[in-house]
């Protein structure tokens, strides 16, 4: 993935950090499995997955 200045700045947003943690916790809660392994940059890891990860307001 090329370095994109917009995405670099966006990844630092508190919202995206919190949303990523919510996605990971929810996935593990409902499936009993981890979506990704522990990493220092979960946001970047999710962006590079070979499949889509989506969320919505429930």
C-alpha atoms as a PDB file:
ATOM      1  CA  UNK A   1       0.000   0.000   0.000  1.00  0.00           C
ATOM      2  CA  UNK A   2       1.434   3.364  -0.986  1.00  0.00           C
ATOM      3  CA  UNK A   3       1.840   6.057   1.630  1.00  0.00           C
ATOM      4  CA  UNK A   4      -1.259   8.233   1.289  1.00  0.00           C
ATOM      5  CA  UNK A   5      -1.070  11.503   3.304  1.00  0.00           C
ATOM      6  CA  UNK A   6      -4.844  11.571   3.814  1.00  0.00           C
ATOM      7  CA  UNK A   7      -4.948   8.014   5.139  1.00  0.00           C
ATOM      8  CA  UNK A   8      -1.883   8.639   7.298  1.00  0.00           C
ATOM      9  CA  UNK A   9      -3.607  11.597   8.973  1.00  0.00           C
ATOM     10  CA  UNK A  10      -6.968   9.792   9.137  1.00  0.00           C
ATOM     11  CA  UNK A  11      -5.431   6.756  10.867  1.00  0.00           C
ATOM     12  CA  UNK A  12      -4.400   9.016  13.725  1.00  0.00           C
ATOM     13  CA  UNK A  13      -7.984  10.082  14.405  1.00  0.00           C
ATOM     14  CA  UNK A  14      -9.242   8.999  17.811  1.00  0.00           C
ATOM     15  CA  UNK A  15     -12.474   7.791  16.221  1.00  0.00           C
ATOM     16  CA  UNK A  16     -10.719   5.339  13.950  1.00  0.00           C
ATOM     17  CA  UNK A  17      -8.623   3.971  16.798  1.00  0.00           C
ATOM     18  CA  UNK A  18     -11.727   3.463  18.961  1.00  0.00           C
ATOM     19  CA  UNK A  19     -13.765   1.984  16.104  1.00  0.00           C
ATOM     20  CA  UNK A  20     -11.004  -0.477  15.310  1.00  0.00           C
ATOM     21  CA  UNK A  21     -10.917  -1.665  18.910  1.00  0.00           C
ATOM     22  CA  UNK A  22     -14.712  -2.020  18.944  1.00  0.00           C
ATOM     23  CA  UNK A  23     -14.603  -4.076  15.737  1.00  0.00           C
ATOM     24  CA  UNK A  24     -11.916  -6.365  17.113  1.00  0.00           C
ATOM     25  CA  UNK A  25     -13.671  -6.818  20.463  1.00  0.00           C
ATOM     26  CA  UNK A  26     -17.041  -7.450  18.836  1.00  0.00           C
ATOM     27  CA  UNK A  27     -15.624  -9.980  16.398  1.00  0.00           C
ATOM     28  CA  UNK A  28     -13.939 -11.891  19.205  1.00  0.00           C
ATOM     29  CA  UNK A  29     -17.057 -11.714  21.390  1.00  0.00           C
ATOM     30  CA  UNK A  30     -19.358 -13.151  18.716  1.00  0.00           C
ATOM     31  CA  UNK A  31     -17.014 -15.673  17.095  1.00  0.00           C
ATOM     32  CA  UNK A  32     -14.674 -16.604  19.928  1.00  0.00           C
ATOM     33  CA  UNK A  33     -11.754 -15.923  17.580  1.00  0.00           C
ATOM     34  CA  UNK A  34      -9.473 -12.987  16.908  1.00  0.00           C
ATOM     35  CA  UNK A  35      -9.885 -11.177  13.610  1.00  0.00           C
ATOM     36  CA  UNK A  36      -6.180 -10.250  13.561  1.00  0.00           C
ATOM     37  CA  UNK A  37      -3.241 -11.039  15.804  1.00  0.00           C
ATOM     38  CA  UNK A  38      -2.115  -8.485  18.378  1.00  0.00           C
ATOM     39  CA  UNK A  39      -0.336  -5.625  16.677  1.00  0.00           C
ATOM     40  CA  UNK A  40       0.814  -2.127  17.494  1.00  0.00           C
ATOM     41  CA  UNK A  41      -1.016  -0.708  14.487  1.00  0.00           C
ATOM     42  CA  UNK A  42      -4.341  -2.509  14.243  1.00  0.00           C
ATOM     43  CA  UNK A  43      -5.779   0.223  12.008  1.00  0.00           C
ATOM     44  CA  UNK A  44      -3.068  -0.327   9.390  1.00  0.00           C
ATOM     45  CA  UNK A  45      -3.430  -4.095   9.677  1.00  0.00           C
ATOM     46  CA  UNK A  46      -7.190  -3.886   9.032  1.00  0.00           C
ATOM     47  CA  UNK A  47      -6.612  -1.645   6.003  1.00  0.00           C
ATOM     48  CA  UNK A  48      -4.287  -4.228   4.486  1.00  0.00           C
ATOM     49  CA  UNK A  49      -6.483  -7.303   4.946  1.00  0.00           C
ATOM     50  CA  UNK A  50      -7.360  -9.168   1.733  1.00  0.00           C
ATOM     51  CA  UNK A  51     -11.076  -8.853   2.558  1.00  0.00           C
ATOM     52  CA  UNK A  52     -13.459  -6.081   3.568  1.00  0.00           C
ATOM     53  CA  UNK A  53     -14.210  -5.279   7.202  1.00  0.00           C
ATOM     54  CA  UNK A  54     -17.294  -3.130   7.701  1.00  0.00           C
ATOM     55  CA  UNK A  55     -19.205  -1.646  10.601  1.00  0.00           C
ATOM     56  CA  UNK A  56     -22.421   0.259  11.106  1.00  0.00           C
ATOM     57  CA  UNK A  57     -24.409   1.921  13.831  1.00  0.00           C
ATOM     58  CA  UNK A  58     -26.527  -0.645  15.596  1.00  0.00           C
END
